Amino acid sequence: MMKSVTRITAFAVPFLASASIAYAAASGGIESLLRPEFSSIPKFIEGALKAMVMVALPIISLFIVYSGFMFVIARGNEGMLSEAKKNFFYVIVGSILILGAWVIATLIGGTAAQLTNT
């Protein structure tokens, strides 16, 4: 039963996708799925990084709390304490990378905008 559903799905999905592309081509072309704010590559990258930061901030907060919980649970055990320190280090490094990428992209985008306006 499951194999027949998989075979039907494997056939139907490409067929339906090609039908929608053919309809779009016949009705005047394929339009961009992106919003007008993301019409250029720098604006798209800026929007993608902003969305990533908005999703990552709560996750970073949860991992910092979890790392603190690991410190409390360690209760002086050297093995568990070293694991908690390693976890905290990786959380901080990851958050610096994520937030740093957003800051650098914003700075580069602002600089490029100023250079093209003058």
N, C-alpha and C. Protein backbone atom coordinates (compact mmCIF):
# COMPACT_ATOMS: atom_id res chain seq x y z
N MET A 1 0.83 -1.19 0.00
CA MET A 1 0.00 0.00 0.00
C MET A 1 0.87 1.25 0.00
N MET A 2 1.89 1.26 0.88
CA MET A 2 2.74 2.44 0.99
C MET A 2 3.56 2.65 -0.28
N LYS A 3 4.00 1.56 -0.93
CA LYS A 3 4.78 1.69 -2.14
C LYS A 3 3.95 2.29 -3.27
N SER A 4 2.68 1.93 -3.34
CA SER A 4 1.84 2.47 -4.40
C SER A 4 1.58 3.96 -4.18
N VAL A 5 1.43 4.39 -2.93
CA VAL A 5 1.25 5.82 -2.64
C VAL A 5 2.52 6.58 -3.00
N THR A 6 3.67 6.02 -2.70
CA THR A 6 4.93 6.66 -3.03
C THR A 6 5.11 6.77 -4.53
N ARG A 7 4.74 5.74 -5.27
CA ARG A 7 4.85 5.78 -6.73
C ARG A 7 3.91 6.81 -7.32
N ILE A 8 2.71 6.87 -6.82
CA ILE A 8 1.74 7.85 -7.33
C ILE A 8 2.24 9.26 -7.03
N THR A 9 2.75 9.47 -5.83
CA THR A 9 3.26 10.79 -5.46
C THR A 9 4.47 11.16 -6.31
N ALA A 10 5.35 10.21 -6.54
CA ALA A 10 6.54 10.46 -7.34
C ALA A 10 6.17 10.84 -8.77
N PHE A 11 5.06 10.35 -9.27
CA PHE A 11 4.62 10.70 -10.62
C PHE A 11 3.81 11.99 -10.63
N ALA A 12 2.98 12.20 -9.64
CA ALA A 12 2.04 13.32 -9.66
C ALA A 12 2.72 14.65 -9.38
N VAL A 13 3.68 14.69 -8.50
CA VAL A 13 4.31 15.96 -8.13
C VAL A 13 5.03 16.60 -9.32
N PRO A 14 5.90 15.89 -10.04
CA PRO A 14 6.53 16.54 -11.20
C PRO A 14 5.52 16.90 -12.29
N PHE A 15 4.51 16.09 -12.47
CA PHE A 15 3.49 16.38 -13.47
C PHE A 15 2.76 17.67 -13.15
N LEU A 16 2.34 17.83 -11.90
CA LEU A 16 1.62 19.04 -11.50
C LEU A 16 2.54 20.26 -11.53
N ALA A 17 3.80 20.08 -11.18
CA ALA A 17 4.74 21.20 -11.22
C ALA A 17 4.96 21.65 -12.65
N SER A 18 5.11 20.71 -13.58
CA SER A 18 5.32 21.10 -14.98
C SER A 18 4.06 21.73 -15.56
N ALA A 19 2.89 21.29 -15.12
CA ALA A 19 1.66 21.90 -15.60
C ALA A 19 1.53 23.34 -15.14
N SER A 20 1.91 23.63 -13.90
CA SER A 20 1.82 25.00 -13.41
C SER A 20 2.83 25.91 -14.11
N ILE A 21 4.02 25.39 -14.43
CA ILE A 21 5.02 26.18 -15.15
C ILE A 21 4.54 26.45 -16.57
N ALA A 22 3.94 25.46 -17.21
CA ALA A 22 3.43 25.66 -18.56
C ALA A 22 2.30 26.67 -18.57
N TYR A 23 1.43 26.63 -17.58
CA TYR A 23 0.34 27.61 -17.49
C TYR A 23 0.89 29.01 -17.28
N ALA A 24 1.91 29.15 -16.43
CA ALA A 24 2.49 30.46 -16.17
C ALA A 24 3.16 31.01 -17.42
N ALA A 25 3.84 30.15 -18.17
CA ALA A 25 4.50 30.58 -19.39
C ALA A 25 3.48 31.00 -20.44
N ALA A 26 2.36 30.30 -20.52
CA ALA A 26 1.33 30.62 -21.51
C ALA A 26 0.54 31.87 -21.14
N SER A 27 0.47 32.20 -19.86
CA SER A 27 -0.35 33.33 -19.44
C SER A 27 0.45 34.63 -19.32
N GLY A 28 1.61 34.71 -19.89
CA GLY A 28 2.33 35.98 -19.88
C GLY A 28 3.65 35.93 -19.15
N GLY A 29 4.11 34.80 -18.78
CA GLY A 29 5.42 34.68 -18.16
C GLY A 29 5.35 34.37 -16.68
N ILE A 30 6.49 34.04 -16.17
CA ILE A 30 6.61 33.70 -14.76
C ILE A 30 7.03 34.97 -14.02
N GLU A 31 6.26 35.34 -13.02
CA GLU A 31 6.57 36.53 -12.25
C GLU A 31 7.38 36.14 -11.01
N SER A 32 8.08 37.11 -10.49
CA SER A 32 8.90 36.89 -9.31
C SER A 32 8.02 36.61 -8.10
N LEU A 33 8.43 35.64 -7.31
CA LEU A 33 7.71 35.32 -6.09
C LEU A 33 8.13 36.22 -4.93
N LEU A 34 9.21 36.96 -5.11
CA LEU A 34 9.71 37.82 -4.04
C LEU A 34 8.92 39.12 -3.98
N ARG A 35 8.86 39.67 -2.80
CA ARG A 35 8.21 40.97 -2.63
C ARG A 35 9.09 42.04 -3.27
N PRO A 36 8.52 43.19 -3.63
CA PRO A 36 9.34 44.24 -4.28
C PRO A 36 10.50 44.74 -3.42
N GLU A 37 10.38 44.62 -2.09
CA GLU A 37 11.47 45.06 -1.22
C GLU A 37 12.72 44.20 -1.41
N PHE A 38 12.55 42.98 -1.91
CA PHE A 38 13.66 42.05 -2.08
C PHE A 38 13.99 41.84 -3.56
N SER A 39 13.84 42.87 -4.36
CA SER A 39 14.04 42.72 -5.80
C SER A 39 15.51 42.65 -6.19
N SER A 40 16.41 43.14 -5.35
CA SER A 40 17.84 43.05 -5.66
C SER A 40 18.51 42.06 -4.70
N ILE A 41 19.66 41.61 -5.10
CA ILE A 41 20.38 40.61 -4.30
C ILE A 41 20.79 41.16 -2.93
N PRO A 42 21.33 42.39 -2.84
CA PRO A 42 21.68 42.89 -1.49
C PRO A 42 20.47 43.03 -0.57
N LYS A 43 19.35 43.47 -1.12
CA LYS A 43 18.14 43.60 -0.29
C LYS A 43 17.65 42.22 0.14
N PHE A 44 17.76 41.23 -0.74
CA PHE A 44 17.35 39.87 -0.39
C PHE A 44 18.23 39.31 0.72
N ILE A 45 19.54 39.51 0.60
CA ILE A 45 20.47 39.02 1.62
C ILE A 45 20.20 39.71 2.95
N GLU A 46 19.96 41.02 2.90
CA GLU A 46 19.66 41.75 4.12
C GLU A 46 18.38 41.24 4.78
N GLY A 47 17.35 40.99 3.97
CA GLY A 47 16.10 40.47 4.52
C GLY A 47 16.25 39.07 5.08
N ALA A 48 17.03 38.23 4.37
CA ALA A 48 17.23 36.86 4.84
C ALA A 48 18.01 36.86 6.16
N LEU A 49 19.03 37.69 6.27
CA LEU A 49 19.79 37.75 7.51
C LEU A 49 18.96 38.33 8.65
N LYS A 50 18.11 39.30 8.34
CA LYS A 50 17.24 39.86 9.37
C LYS A 50 16.26 38.81 9.88
N ALA A 51 15.71 38.02 8.96
CA ALA A 51 14.80 36.94 9.36
C ALA A 51 15.54 35.90 10.19
N MET A 52 16.79 35.59 9.78
CA MET A 52 17.57 34.60 10.53
C MET A 52 17.84 35.09 11.95
N VAL A 53 18.15 36.39 12.10
CA VAL A 53 18.41 36.93 13.43
C VAL A 53 17.14 36.91 14.27
N MET A 54 16.01 37.23 13.66
CA MET A 54 14.75 37.23 14.41
C MET A 54 14.39 35.83 14.90
N VAL A 55 14.73 34.82 14.12
CA VAL A 55 14.47 33.44 14.54
C VAL A 55 15.53 32.99 15.53
N ALA A 56 16.77 33.42 15.33
CA ALA A 56 17.88 32.92 16.15
C ALA A 56 17.92 33.51 17.55
N LEU A 57 17.45 34.75 17.74
CA LEU A 57 17.54 35.36 19.06
C LEU A 57 16.82 34.58 20.16
N PRO A 58 15.58 34.14 19.96
CA PRO A 58 14.97 33.32 21.02
C PRO A 58 15.69 31.99 21.23
N ILE A 59 16.19 31.41 20.16
CA ILE A 59 16.90 30.14 20.28
C ILE A 59 18.21 30.34 21.05
N ILE A 60 18.91 31.43 20.76
CA ILE A 60 20.15 31.74 21.48
C ILE A 60 19.84 31.92 22.97
N SER A 61 18.76 32.63 23.26
CA SER A 61 18.38 32.84 24.66
C SER A 61 18.11 31.51 25.37
N LEU A 62 17.41 30.62 24.70
CA LEU A 62 17.12 29.31 25.29
C LEU A 62 18.40 28.52 25.54
N PHE A 63 19.34 28.57 24.60
CA PHE A 63 20.58 27.83 24.79
C PHE A 63 21.45 28.44 25.89
N ILE A 64 21.40 29.75 26.07
CA ILE A 64 22.14 30.36 27.18
C ILE A 64 21.54 29.91 28.52
N VAL A 65 20.21 29.86 28.58
CA VAL A 65 19.56 29.37 29.80
C VAL A 65 19.91 27.90 30.03
N TYR A 66 19.89 27.10 28.96
CA TYR A 66 20.25 25.69 29.09
C TYR A 66 21.69 25.53 29.56
N SER A 67 22.59 26.37 29.06
CA SER A 67 23.97 26.31 29.49
C SER A 67 24.10 26.64 30.98
N GLY A 68 23.36 27.63 31.43
CA GLY A 68 23.35 27.95 32.86
C GLY A 68 22.80 26.79 33.68
N PHE A 69 21.77 26.13 33.14
CA PHE A 69 21.21 24.96 33.81
C PHE A 69 22.25 23.85 33.92
N MET A 70 23.08 23.70 32.88
CA MET A 70 24.14 22.69 32.92
C MET A 70 25.16 23.02 34.01
N PHE A 71 25.46 24.32 34.22
CA PHE A 71 26.37 24.71 35.29
C PHE A 71 25.78 24.37 36.66
N VAL A 72 24.49 24.59 36.83
CA VAL A 72 23.85 24.29 38.11
C VAL A 72 23.83 22.79 38.36
N ILE A 73 23.52 22.02 37.34
CA ILE A 73 23.44 20.56 37.47
C ILE A 73 24.82 19.95 37.75
N ALA A 74 25.90 20.59 37.25
CA ALA A 74 27.25 20.03 37.43
C ALA A 74 27.62 19.89 38.90
N ARG A 75 27.26 20.83 39.74
CA ARG A 75 27.51 20.79 41.19
C ARG A 75 28.94 20.39 41.54
N GLY A 76 29.90 20.96 40.82
CA GLY A 76 31.30 20.71 41.16
C GLY A 76 31.91 19.51 40.47
N ASN A 77 31.16 18.71 39.75
CA ASN A 77 31.69 17.58 39.02
C ASN A 77 32.52 18.11 37.86
N GLU A 78 33.81 17.79 37.82
CA GLU A 78 34.72 18.36 36.83
C GLU A 78 34.33 17.99 35.40
N GLY A 79 33.92 16.77 35.18
CA GLY A 79 33.53 16.35 33.83
C GLY A 79 32.31 17.11 33.33
N MET A 80 31.29 17.21 34.18
CA MET A 80 30.08 17.92 33.79
C MET A 80 30.33 19.42 33.70
N LEU A 81 31.22 19.93 34.55
CA LEU A 81 31.54 21.36 34.52
C LEU A 81 32.29 21.72 33.23
N SER A 82 33.20 20.88 32.81
CA SER A 82 33.91 21.15 31.55
C SER A 82 32.95 21.06 30.36
N GLU A 83 31.99 20.14 30.43
CA GLU A 83 30.98 20.04 29.37
C GLU A 83 30.10 21.30 29.34
N ALA A 84 29.76 21.83 30.50
CA ALA A 84 28.95 23.05 30.58
C ALA A 84 29.74 24.25 30.05
N LYS A 85 31.03 24.32 30.36
CA LYS A 85 31.86 25.42 29.85
C LYS A 85 31.98 25.35 28.33
N LYS A 86 32.16 24.13 27.82
CA LYS A 86 32.27 23.96 26.38
C LYS A 86 30.97 24.35 25.69
N ASN A 87 29.84 23.96 26.28
CA ASN A 87 28.54 24.32 25.73
C ASN A 87 28.33 25.82 25.73
N PHE A 88 28.67 26.49 26.84
CA PHE A 88 28.53 27.93 26.93
C PHE A 88 29.41 28.64 25.90
N PHE A 89 30.64 28.15 25.74
CA PHE A 89 31.55 28.73 24.75
C PHE A 89 30.97 28.63 23.34
N TYR A 90 30.44 27.46 22.99
CA TYR A 90 29.87 27.28 21.65
C TYR A 90 28.62 28.13 21.44
N VAL A 91 27.83 28.31 22.47
CA VAL A 91 26.64 29.17 22.36
C VAL A 91 27.07 30.61 22.11
N ILE A 92 28.05 31.08 22.83
CA ILE A 92 28.51 32.45 22.65
C ILE A 92 29.15 32.65 21.28
N VAL A 93 29.98 31.70 20.85
CA VAL A 93 30.61 31.81 19.53
C VAL A 93 29.54 31.79 18.43
N GLY A 94 28.58 30.91 18.54
CA GLY A 94 27.52 30.85 17.54
C GLY A 94 26.69 32.11 17.48
N SER A 95 26.38 32.67 18.64
CA SER A 95 25.60 33.91 18.65
C SER A 95 26.40 35.06 18.09
N ILE A 96 27.70 35.10 18.36
CA ILE A 96 28.55 36.16 17.78
C ILE A 96 28.59 36.01 16.27
N LEU A 97 28.69 34.80 15.76
CA LEU A 97 28.71 34.59 14.31
C LEU A 97 27.40 35.03 13.66
N ILE A 98 26.28 34.66 14.26
CA ILE A 98 24.98 35.00 13.68
C ILE A 98 24.75 36.51 13.73
N LEU A 99 24.95 37.10 14.89
CA LEU A 99 24.72 38.55 15.01
C LEU A 99 25.78 39.34 14.26
N GLY A 100 27.00 38.84 14.21
CA GLY A 100 28.06 39.51 13.46
C GLY A 100 27.81 39.51 11.97
N ALA A 101 27.28 38.43 11.44
CA ALA A 101 26.95 38.39 10.02
C ALA A 101 25.90 39.43 9.68
N TRP A 102 24.91 39.57 10.55
CA TRP A 102 23.86 40.56 10.31
C TRP A 102 24.43 41.98 10.38
N VAL A 103 25.29 42.25 11.37
CA VAL A 103 25.88 43.58 11.51
C VAL A 103 26.76 43.91 10.32
N ILE A 104 27.59 42.96 9.90
CA ILE A 104 28.48 43.20 8.77
C ILE A 104 27.68 43.43 7.49
N ALA A 105 26.64 42.63 7.26
CA ALA A 105 25.82 42.82 6.07
C ALA A 105 25.11 44.17 6.09
N THR A 106 24.66 44.60 7.25
CA THR A 106 24.01 45.90 7.36
C THR A 106 25.01 47.02 7.09
N LEU A 107 26.22 46.89 7.63
CA LEU A 107 27.24 47.91 7.38
C LEU A 107 27.63 47.98 5.91
N ILE A 108 27.82 46.83 5.29
CA ILE A 108 28.19 46.81 3.87
C ILE A 108 27.05 47.37 3.02
N GLY A 109 25.82 47.01 3.35
CA GLY A 109 24.68 47.54 2.60
C GLY A 109 24.54 49.03 2.75
N GLY A 110 24.74 49.56 3.96
CA GLY A 110 24.68 51.00 4.17
C GLY A 110 25.78 51.74 3.44
N THR A 111 26.99 51.17 3.45
CA THR A 111 28.10 51.79 2.74
C THR A 111 27.86 51.79 1.24
N ALA A 112 27.38 50.68 0.70
CA ALA A 112 27.09 50.61 -0.72
C ALA A 112 25.98 51.59 -1.11
N ALA A 113 24.98 51.73 -0.25
CA ALA A 113 23.90 52.68 -0.54
C ALA A 113 24.42 54.11 -0.56
N GLN A 114 25.32 54.45 0.37
CA GLN A 114 25.87 55.80 0.40
C GLN A 114 26.75 56.05 -0.82
N LEU A 115 27.51 55.03 -1.25
CA LEU A 115 28.38 55.22 -2.41
C LEU A 115 27.59 55.38 -3.70
N THR A 116 26.47 54.70 -3.82
CA THR A 116 25.68 54.79 -5.06
C THR A 116 24.82 56.03 -5.10
N ASN A 117 24.50 56.64 -3.96
CA ASN A 117 23.69 57.85 -3.95
C ASN A 117 24.50 59.09 -4.25
N THR A 118 25.82 59.04 -4.06
CA THR A 118 26.64 60.25 -4.30
C THR A 118 27.17 60.28 -5.71
